């Protein structure tokens, strides 16, 4: 009996020593062996120390810096931004990427008025006003915000992006229309110019690539929906005869 007691005592001391060693080596293993929580035993992670890169090549801080930062943060598609009203290299890169995507010139990463306006329209777009069906493809043209998006079988699959519609005296026709003619390059007899990625939907009005700077406020179409080249090309690949075009709202000044 005495020998058994000695052996039991030695085994207990050995087990205790192992547990102490494991506890010192790693809380996770110790927690597993003792039935505890690995997360509780693990040390707290080091907090993030990411800070803005203040040295940048964007020039003077834009007049609408913080507003643009807020819009780009909500979109979360163009890179990291710091919503603080101060320019950083990260802000500059994100703003420049946004400007290039939406054809804003110059695209140098500065938060100017045009960038603010476009970012606000894209970030705050409401999709409720466009009537869409559960099945099929619908192009939504918002005249009020000068934006466009595409819904397929109840899900948005493209956009929103920017457009330019009919100017004063040539307001785009609202209502439900259908794409009934397509051509990768259509000649306009009345205006004597080529219309790339043409998709006609109503009485001479259609989707096509813009033939001038899209963001010039003094310009407008004669009823058509003008698009940036990349958007016009994408829609030409995406859409087909019979697809629906919903035009709604009212462009300012028309």
C-alpha atoms as a PDB file:
ATOM      1  CA  UNK A   1       0.000   0.000   0.000  1.00  0.00           C
ATOM      2  CA  UNK A   2       2.831   2.334   0.866  1.00  0.00           C
ATOM      3  CA  UNK A   3       4.454   1.740  -2.542  1.00  0.00           C
ATOM      4  CA  UNK A   4       1.188   2.458  -4.339  1.00  0.00           C
ATOM      5  CA  UNK A   5       0.810   5.734  -2.450  1.00  0.00           C
ATOM      6  CA  UNK A   6       4.297   6.798  -3.470  1.00  0.00           C
ATOM      7  CA  UNK A   7       3.626   5.949  -7.121  1.00  0.00           C
ATOM      8  CA  UNK A   8       0.317   7.879  -7.036  1.00  0.00           C
ATOM      9  CA  UNK A   9       2.043  10.914  -5.522  1.00  0.00           C
ATOM     10  CA  UNK A  10       4.773  10.837  -8.173  1.00  0.00           C
ATOM     11  CA  UNK A  11       2.177  10.618 -10.987  1.00  0.00           C
ATOM     12  CA  UNK A  12       0.232  13.532  -9.560  1.00  0.00           C
ATOM     13  CA  UNK A  13       3.336  15.694  -9.336  1.00  0.00           C
ATOM     14  CA  UNK A  14       4.305  14.817 -12.930  1.00  0.00           C
ATOM     15  CA  UNK A  15       0.821  15.714 -14.239  1.00  0.00           C
ATOM     16  CA  UNK A  16       0.888  19.004 -12.369  1.00  0.00           C
ATOM     17  CA  UNK A  17       4.286  19.851 -13.848  1.00  0.00           C
ATOM     18  CA  UNK A  18       3.010  19.122 -17.377  1.00  0.00           C
ATOM     19  CA  UNK A  19      -0.002  21.388 -16.906  1.00  0.00           C
ATOM     20  CA  UNK A  20       2.163  24.208 -15.609  1.00  0.00           C
ATOM     21  CA  UNK A  21       4.475  23.874 -18.623  1.00  0.00           C
ATOM     22  CA  UNK A  22       1.574  23.851 -21.049  1.00  0.00           C
ATOM     23  CA  UNK A  23       0.044  26.891 -19.427  1.00  0.00           C
ATOM     24  CA  UNK A  24       3.309  28.764 -19.813  1.00  0.00           C
ATOM     25  CA  UNK A  25       3.745  27.656 -23.430  1.00  0.00           C
ATOM     26  CA  UNK A  26       0.271  28.433 -24.761  1.00  0.00           C
ATOM     27  CA  UNK A  27      -3.088  29.250 -23.268  1.00  0.00           C
ATOM     28  CA  UNK A  28      -5.002  27.490 -26.036  1.00  0.00           C
ATOM     29  CA  UNK A  29      -3.506  24.065 -25.330  1.00  0.00           C
ATOM     30  CA  UNK A  30      -3.943  24.528 -21.611  1.00  0.00           C
ATOM     31  CA  UNK A  31      -7.560  25.518 -22.050  1.00  0.00           C
ATOM     32  CA  UNK A  32      -8.207  22.432 -24.150  1.00  0.00           C
ATOM     33  CA  UNK A  33      -6.726  20.057 -21.591  1.00  0.00           C
ATOM     34  CA  UNK A  34      -8.507  21.669 -18.656  1.00  0.00           C
ATOM     35  CA  UNK A  35     -11.885  22.054 -20.395  1.00  0.00           C
ATOM     36  CA  UNK A  36     -11.694  25.864 -20.390  1.00  0.00           C
ATOM     37  CA  UNK A  37     -12.106  28.441 -23.180  1.00  0.00           C
ATOM     38  CA  UNK A  38      -9.224  29.002 -25.584  1.00  0.00           C
ATOM     39  CA  UNK A  39     -10.526  32.495 -26.348  1.00  0.00           C
ATOM     40  CA  UNK A  40     -10.625  33.376 -22.689  1.00  0.00           C
ATOM     41  CA  UNK A  41      -7.083  32.129 -22.195  1.00  0.00           C
ATOM     42  CA  UNK A  42      -5.633  33.801 -25.324  1.00  0.00           C
ATOM     43  CA  UNK A  43      -4.111  37.281 -24.973  1.00  0.00           C
ATOM     44  CA  UNK A  44      -5.961  40.292 -26.402  1.00  0.00           C
ATOM     45  CA  UNK A  45      -5.022  41.088 -30.035  1.00  0.00           C
ATOM     46  CA  UNK A  46      -2.969  44.164 -30.762  1.00  0.00           C
ATOM     47  CA  UNK A  47      -5.332  47.033 -31.693  1.00  0.00           C
ATOM     48  CA  UNK A  48      -5.224  48.396 -35.270  1.00  0.00           C
ATOM     49  CA  UNK A  49      -2.889  51.327 -35.797  1.00  0.00           C
ATOM     50  CA  UNK A  50      -3.859  52.235 -39.392  1.00  0.00           C
ATOM     51  CA  UNK A  51      -3.491  55.968 -39.923  1.00  0.00           C
ATOM     52  CA  UNK A  52      -3.905  58.223 -42.977  1.00  0.00           C
ATOM     53  CA  UNK A  53      -0.834  58.866 -45.116  1.00  0.00           C
ATOM     54  CA  UNK A  54      -0.654  62.640 -44.932  1.00  0.00           C
ATOM     55  CA  UNK A  55       2.045  62.992 -47.584  1.00  0.00           C
ATOM     56  CA  UNK A  56       0.158  62.973 -50.889  1.00  0.00           C
ATOM     57  CA  UNK A  57       0.323  64.244 -54.455  1.00  0.00           C
ATOM     58  CA  UNK A  58      -3.243  65.554 -54.760  1.00  0.00           C
ATOM     59  CA  UNK A  59      -2.569  69.240 -54.289  1.00  0.00           C
ATOM     60  CA  UNK A  60      -4.803  71.463 -52.213  1.00  0.00           C
ATOM     61  CA  UNK A  61      -7.611  69.897 -50.167  1.00  0.00           C
ATOM     62  CA  UNK A  62     -10.873  69.929 -52.124  1.00  0.00           C
ATOM     63  CA  UNK A  63     -13.725  72.242 -51.133  1.00  0.00           C
ATOM     64  CA  UNK A  64     -15.999  69.225 -50.633  1.00  0.00           C
ATOM     65  CA  UNK A  65     -13.502  66.814 -49.099  1.00  0.00           C
ATOM     66  CA  UNK A  66     -15.559  65.415 -46.229  1.00  0.00           C
ATOM     67  CA  UNK A  67     -18.766  65.120 -48.279  1.00  0.00           C
ATOM     68  CA  UNK A  68     -16.963  63.110 -50.941  1.00  0.00           C
ATOM     69  CA  UNK A  69     -15.279  60.971 -48.286  1.00  0.00           C
ATOM     70  CA  UNK A  70     -18.668  60.125 -46.759  1.00  0.00           C
ATOM     71  CA  UNK A  71     -20.133  59.136 -50.125  1.00  0.00           C
ATOM     72  CA  UNK A  72     -17.155  56.972 -51.065  1.00  0.00           C
ATOM     73  CA  UNK A  73     -17.143  55.320 -47.647  1.00  0.00           C
ATOM     74  CA  UNK A  74     -20.795  54.324 -48.118  1.00  0.00           C
ATOM     75  CA  UNK A  75     -20.099  52.984 -51.621  1.00  0.00           C
ATOM     76  CA  UNK A  76     -17.063  51.010 -50.370  1.00  0.00           C
ATOM     77  CA  UNK A  77     -15.873  50.230 -53.907  1.00  0.00           C
ATOM     78  CA  UNK A  78     -12.999  52.596 -54.605  1.00  0.00           C
ATOM     79  CA  UNK A  79     -10.486  51.996 -51.807  1.00  0.00           C
ATOM     80  CA  UNK A  80      -9.922  53.173 -48.252  1.00  0.00           C
ATOM     81  CA  UNK A  81     -11.008  56.666 -47.225  1.00  0.00           C
ATOM     82  CA  UNK A  82     -10.762  58.507 -43.920  1.00  0.00           C
ATOM     83  CA  UNK A  83     -13.828  60.644 -43.213  1.00  0.00           C
ATOM     84  CA  UNK A  84     -12.106  63.587 -41.570  1.00  0.00           C
ATOM     85  CA  UNK A  85     -12.190  66.410 -44.098  1.00  0.00           C
ATOM     86  CA  UNK A  86      -8.424  66.147 -44.569  1.00  0.00           C
ATOM     87  CA  UNK A  87      -6.656  64.901 -47.676  1.00  0.00           C
ATOM     88  CA  UNK A  88      -4.522  61.764 -47.443  1.00  0.00           C
ATOM     89  CA  UNK A  89      -2.921  59.579 -50.079  1.00  0.00           C
ATOM     90  CA  UNK A  90      -5.617  56.962 -49.472  1.00  0.00           C
ATOM     91  CA  UNK A  91      -8.365  59.552 -49.999  1.00  0.00           C
ATOM     92  CA  UNK A  92      -6.622  60.812 -53.111  1.00  0.00           C
ATOM     93  CA  UNK A  93      -6.370  57.339 -54.639  1.00  0.00           C
ATOM     94  CA  UNK A  94     -10.027  56.515 -53.890  1.00  0.00           C
ATOM     95  CA  UNK A  95     -11.317  59.828 -55.259  1.00  0.00           C
ATOM     96  CA  UNK A  96      -9.199  59.477 -58.396  1.00  0.00           C
ATOM     97  CA  UNK A  97     -10.506  55.939 -58.968  1.00  0.00           C
ATOM     98  CA  UNK A  98     -14.074  57.214 -58.601  1.00  0.00           C
ATOM     99  CA  UNK A  99     -13.427  60.104 -61.001  1.00  0.00           C
ATOM    100  CA  UNK A 100     -11.984  57.779 -63.630  1.00  0.00           C
ATOM    101  CA  UNK A 101     -14.911  55.378 -63.296  1.00  0.00           C
ATOM    102  CA  UNK A 102     -17.465  58.112 -63.938  1.00  0.00           C
ATOM    103  CA  UNK A 103     -15.590  60.098 -66.569  1.00  0.00           C
ATOM    104  CA  UNK A 104     -14.931  63.158 -64.395  1.00  0.00           C
ATOM    105  CA  UNK A 105     -12.159  65.454 -65.647  1.00  0.00           C
ATOM    106  CA  UNK A 106      -9.592  66.181 -64.402  1.00  0.00           C
ATOM    107  CA  UNK A 107      -9.231  62.891 -62.536  1.00  0.00           C
ATOM    108  CA  UNK A 108      -6.558  63.958 -60.058  1.00  0.00           C
ATOM    109  CA  UNK A 109      -8.078  62.916 -56.737  1.00  0.00           C
ATOM    110  CA  UNK A 110      -9.311  66.346 -55.662  1.00  0.00           C
ATOM    111  CA  UNK A 111     -12.798  66.625 -54.130  1.00  0.00           C
ATOM    112  CA  UNK A 112     -14.277  69.335 -56.342  1.00  0.00           C
ATOM    113  CA  UNK A 113     -17.938  70.278 -56.786  1.00  0.00           C
ATOM    114  CA  UNK A 114     -18.591  67.958 -59.728  1.00  0.00           C
ATOM    115  CA  UNK A 115     -17.105  64.990 -57.894  1.00  0.00           C
ATOM    116  CA  UNK A 116     -19.254  65.804 -54.853  1.00  0.00           C
ATOM    117  CA  UNK A 117     -22.413  65.998 -56.970  1.00  0.00           C
ATOM    118  CA  UNK A 118     -21.786  62.746 -58.849  1.00  0.00           C
ATOM    119  CA  UNK A 119     -20.757  60.865 -55.695  1.00  0.00           C
ATOM    120  CA  UNK A 120     -23.878  62.050 -53.893  1.00  0.00           C
ATOM    121  CA  UNK A 121     -26.158  60.987 -56.762  1.00  0.00           C
ATOM    122  CA  UNK A 122     -24.612  57.528 -56.918  1.00  0.00           C
ATOM    123  CA  UNK A 123     -24.371  56.938 -53.157  1.00  0.00           C
ATOM    124  CA  UNK A 124     -27.886  58.177 -52.336  1.00  0.00           C
ATOM    125  CA  UNK A 125     -29.742  56.675 -55.292  1.00  0.00           C
ATOM    126  CA  UNK A 126     -33.192  55.331 -54.430  1.00  0.00           C
ATOM    127  CA  UNK A 127     -34.354  52.363 -56.483  1.00  0.00           C
ATOM    128  CA  UNK A 128     -37.993  52.394 -55.415  1.00  0.00           C
ATOM    129  CA  UNK A 129     -39.422  54.653 -58.136  1.00  0.00           C
ATOM    130  CA  UNK A 130     -38.635  52.352 -61.040  1.00  0.00           C
ATOM    131  CA  UNK A 131     -41.410  49.806 -61.689  1.00  0.00           C
ATOM    132  CA  UNK A 132     -39.844  46.437 -62.447  1.00  0.00           C
ATOM    133  CA  UNK A 133     -41.276  42.972 -63.035  1.00  0.00           C
ATOM    134  CA  UNK A 134     -40.349  39.788 -61.200  1.00  0.00           C
ATOM    135  CA  UNK A 135     -39.134  38.337 -64.473  1.00  0.00           C
ATOM    136  CA  UNK A 136     -37.273  39.849 -67.386  1.00  0.00           C
ATOM    137  CA  UNK A 137     -34.847  42.755 -67.760  1.00  0.00           C
ATOM    138  CA  UNK A 138     -35.657  46.419 -67.087  1.00  0.00           C
ATOM    139  CA  UNK A 139     -33.446  49.452 -67.687  1.00  0.00           C
ATOM    140  CA  UNK A 140     -34.300  52.234 -65.217  1.00  0.00           C
ATOM    141  CA  UNK A 141     -33.581  55.811 -66.354  1.00  0.00           C
ATOM    142  CA  UNK A 142     -33.973  58.370 -63.555  1.00  0.00           C
ATOM    143  CA  UNK A 143     -34.300  61.784 -65.213  1.00  0.00           C
ATOM    144  CA  UNK A 144     -34.303  63.649 -61.893  1.00  0.00           C
ATOM    145  CA  UNK A 145     -30.937  62.288 -60.746  1.00  0.00           C
ATOM    146  CA  UNK A 146     -29.551  61.630 -64.240  1.00  0.00           C
ATOM    147  CA  UNK A 147     -28.746  58.034 -63.390  1.00  0.00           C
ATOM    148  CA  UNK A 148     -29.407  54.564 -64.805  1.00  0.00           C
ATOM    149  CA  UNK A 149     -29.396  50.988 -63.530  1.00  0.00           C
ATOM    150  CA  UNK A 150     -30.576  47.568 -64.730  1.00  0.00           C
ATOM    151  CA  UNK A 151     -32.785  45.046 -62.930  1.00  0.00           C
ATOM    152  CA  UNK A 152     -33.105  41.405 -63.986  1.00  0.00           C
ATOM    153  CA  UNK A 153     -35.672  39.054 -62.432  1.00  0.00           C
ATOM    154  CA  UNK A 154     -36.106  41.439 -59.516  1.00  0.00           C
ATOM    155  CA  UNK A 155     -32.383  41.862 -58.776  1.00  0.00           C
ATOM    156  CA  UNK A 156     -30.216  44.859 -59.670  1.00  0.00           C
ATOM    157  CA  UNK A 157     -27.401  43.626 -61.910  1.00  0.00           C
ATOM    158  CA  UNK A 158     -25.862  46.894 -63.112  1.00  0.00           C
ATOM    159  CA  UNK A 159     -25.414  50.429 -61.818  1.00  0.00           C
ATOM    160  CA  UNK A 160     -26.299  52.955 -60.811  1.00  0.00           C
ATOM    161  CA  UNK A 161     -24.229  54.970 -63.243  1.00  0.00           C
ATOM    162  CA  UNK A 162     -24.469  58.494 -64.645  1.00  0.00           C
ATOM    163  CA  UNK A 163     -26.341  59.502 -67.801  1.00  0.00           C
ATOM    164  CA  UNK A 164     -27.309  62.660 -69.659  1.00  0.00           C
ATOM    165  CA  UNK A 165     -30.836  62.925 -71.025  1.00  0.00           C
ATOM    166  CA  UNK A 166     -32.867  65.401 -73.086  1.00  0.00           C
ATOM    167  CA  UNK A 167     -32.138  69.111 -72.675  1.00  0.00           C
ATOM    168  CA  UNK A 168     -34.694  71.945 -72.562  1.00  0.00           C
ATOM    169  CA  UNK A 169     -36.996  71.707 -75.571  1.00  0.00           C
ATOM    170  CA  UNK A 170     -36.048  68.059 -76.121  1.00  0.00           C
ATOM    171  CA  UNK A 171     -37.068  66.402 -72.844  1.00  0.00           C
ATOM    172  CA  UNK A 172     -36.776  62.627 -72.798  1.00  0.00           C
ATOM    173  CA  UNK A 173     -40.119  60.843 -73.065  1.00  0.00           C
ATOM    174  CA  UNK A 174     -41.203  59.252 -69.803  1.00  0.00           C
ATOM    175  CA  UNK A 175     -43.030  55.938 -69.623  1.00  0.00           C
ATOM    176  CA  UNK A 176     -42.510  52.267 -70.377  1.00  0.00           C
ATOM    177  CA  UNK A 177     -40.650  51.532 -73.618  1.00  0.00           C
ATOM    178  CA  UNK A 178     -39.150  48.497 -75.349  1.00  0.00           C
ATOM    179  CA  UNK A 179     -35.825  48.080 -77.137  1.00  0.00           C
ATOM    180  CA  UNK A 180     -36.750  47.446 -80.768  1.00  0.00           C
ATOM    181  CA  UNK A 181     -33.603  48.251 -82.755  1.00  0.00           C
ATOM    182  CA  UNK A 182     -29.899  47.808 -82.053  1.00  0.00           C
ATOM    183  CA  UNK A 183     -26.682  48.618 -83.885  1.00  0.00           C
ATOM    184  CA  UNK A 184     -23.108  48.831 -82.689  1.00  0.00           C
ATOM    185  CA  UNK A 185     -22.860  52.069 -84.704  1.00  0.00           C
ATOM    186  CA  UNK A 186     -25.884  54.006 -85.989  1.00  0.00           C
ATOM    187  CA  UNK A 187     -25.837  57.083 -88.238  1.00  0.00           C
ATOM    188  CA  UNK A 188     -28.121  59.906 -87.077  1.00  0.00           C
ATOM    189  CA  UNK A 189     -29.614  61.632 -90.122  1.00  0.00           C
ATOM    190  CA  UNK A 190     -31.032  64.676 -88.292  1.00  0.00           C
ATOM    191  CA  UNK A 191     -27.803  65.454 -86.401  1.00  0.00           C
ATOM    192  CA  UNK A 192     -25.292  63.951 -88.842  1.00  0.00           C
ATOM    193  CA  UNK A 193     -23.178  61.991 -86.407  1.00  0.00           C
ATOM    194  CA  UNK A 194     -22.490  58.409 -85.467  1.00  0.00           C
ATOM    195  CA  UNK A 195     -24.141  56.998 -82.353  1.00  0.00           C
ATOM    196  CA  UNK A 196     -22.034  54.144 -80.890  1.00  0.00           C
ATOM    197  CA  UNK A 197     -23.763  51.218 -79.151  1.00  0.00           C
ATOM    198  CA  UNK A 198     -27.202  52.335 -80.288  1.00  0.00           C
ATOM    199  CA  UNK A 199     -30.305  50.776 -78.686  1.00  0.00           C
ATOM    200  CA  UNK A 200     -33.529  52.438 -79.819  1.00  0.00           C
ATOM    201  CA  UNK A 201     -36.633  52.285 -77.633  1.00  0.00           C
ATOM    202  CA  UNK A 202     -39.048  55.105 -78.589  1.00  0.00           C
ATOM    203  CA  UNK A 203     -39.596  57.578 -81.460  1.00  0.00           C
ATOM    204  CA  UNK A 204     -35.939  58.245 -82.217  1.00  0.00           C
ATOM    205  CA  UNK A 205     -34.850  58.019 -78.587  1.00  0.00           C
ATOM    206  CA  UNK A 206     -32.425  55.385 -77.399  1.00  0.00           C
ATOM    207  CA  UNK A 207     -29.389  54.456 -75.353  1.00  0.00           C
ATOM    208  CA  UNK A 208     -25.985  55.277 -76.835  1.00  0.00           C
ATOM    209  CA  UNK A 209     -22.460  56.412 -76.031  1.00  0.00           C
ATOM    210  CA  UNK A 210     -22.188  60.165 -75.524  1.00  0.00           C
ATOM    211  CA  UNK A 211     -20.626  62.147 -78.354  1.00  0.00           C
ATOM    212  CA  UNK A 212     -19.392  64.919 -76.006  1.00  0.00           C
ATOM    213  CA  UNK A 213     -18.283  65.413 -72.394  1.00  0.00           C
ATOM    214  CA  UNK A 214     -21.094  63.866 -70.365  1.00  0.00           C
ATOM    215  CA  UNK A 215     -20.762  66.223 -67.395  1.00  0.00           C
ATOM    216  CA  UNK A 216     -21.003  69.520 -69.303  1.00  0.00           C
ATOM    217  CA  UNK A 217     -24.091  71.160 -67.721  1.00  0.00           C
ATOM    218  CA  UNK A 218     -24.715  73.318 -70.789  1.00  0.00           C
ATOM    219  CA  UNK A 219     -25.251  70.271 -72.992  1.00  0.00           C
ATOM    220  CA  UNK A 220     -27.952  67.645 -73.274  1.00  0.00           C
ATOM    221  CA  UNK A 221     -29.342  65.160 -75.731  1.00  0.00           C
ATOM    222  CA  UNK A 222     -32.312  65.522 -78.067  1.00  0.00           C
ATOM    223  CA  UNK A 223     -34.196  62.959 -75.988  1.00  0.00           C
ATOM    224  CA  UNK A 224     -31.745  60.064 -75.955  1.00  0.00           C
ATOM    225  CA  UNK A 225     -30.041  58.622 -72.903  1.00  0.00           C
ATOM    226  CA  UNK A 226     -26.326  59.405 -73.276  1.00  0.00           C
ATOM    227  CA  UNK A 227     -23.847  57.075 -71.570  1.00  0.00           C
ATOM    228  CA  UNK A 228     -20.138  56.884 -70.837  1.00  0.00           C
ATOM    229  CA  UNK A 229     -18.364  54.638 -73.333  1.00  0.00           C
ATOM    230  CA  UNK A 230     -17.742  51.762 -70.912  1.00  0.00           C
ATOM    231  CA  UNK A 231     -21.374  51.816 -69.765  1.00  0.00           C
ATOM    232  CA  UNK A 232     -22.773  52.012 -73.297  1.00  0.00           C
ATOM    233  CA  UNK A 233     -20.615  49.046 -74.317  1.00  0.00           C
ATOM    234  CA  UNK A 234     -21.584  47.022 -71.246  1.00  0.00           C
ATOM    235  CA  UNK A 235     -25.296  47.658 -71.782  1.00  0.00           C
ATOM    236  CA  UNK A 236     -25.004  46.747 -75.459  1.00  0.00           C
ATOM    237  CA  UNK A 237     -23.547  43.385 -74.410  1.00  0.00           C
ATOM    238  CA  UNK A 238     -26.079  42.925 -71.603  1.00  0.00           C
ATOM    239  CA  UNK A 239     -29.390  43.932 -73.217  1.00  0.00           C
ATOM    240  CA  UNK A 240     -31.403  42.596 -76.139  1.00  0.00           C
ATOM    241  CA  UNK A 241     -34.501  43.164 -78.242  1.00  0.00           C
ATOM    242  CA  UNK A 242     -37.661  43.212 -76.154  1.00  0.00           C
ATOM    243  CA  UNK A 243     -36.033  44.415 -72.943  1.00  0.00           C
ATOM    244  CA  UNK A 244     -37.964  47.116 -71.084  1.00  0.00           C
ATOM    245  CA  UNK A 245     -36.797  50.708 -70.584  1.00  0.00           C
ATOM    246  CA  UNK A 246     -38.543  52.659 -67.810  1.00  0.00           C
ATOM    247  CA  UNK A 247     -37.993  56.428 -68.044  1.00  0.00           C
ATOM    248  CA  UNK A 248     -39.269  58.464 -65.090  1.00  0.00           C
ATOM    249  CA  UNK A 249     -38.746  61.727 -63.200  1.00  0.00           C
ATOM    250  CA  UNK A 250     -37.865  65.134 -64.627  1.00  0.00           C
ATOM    251  CA  UNK A 251     -34.492  66.612 -65.515  1.00  0.00           C
ATOM    252  CA  UNK A 252     -33.897  70.026 -63.972  1.00  0.00           C
ATOM    253  CA  UNK A 253     -34.515  72.820 -66.472  1.00  0.00           C
ATOM    254  CA  UNK A 254     -36.686  70.790 -68.859  1.00  0.00           C
END
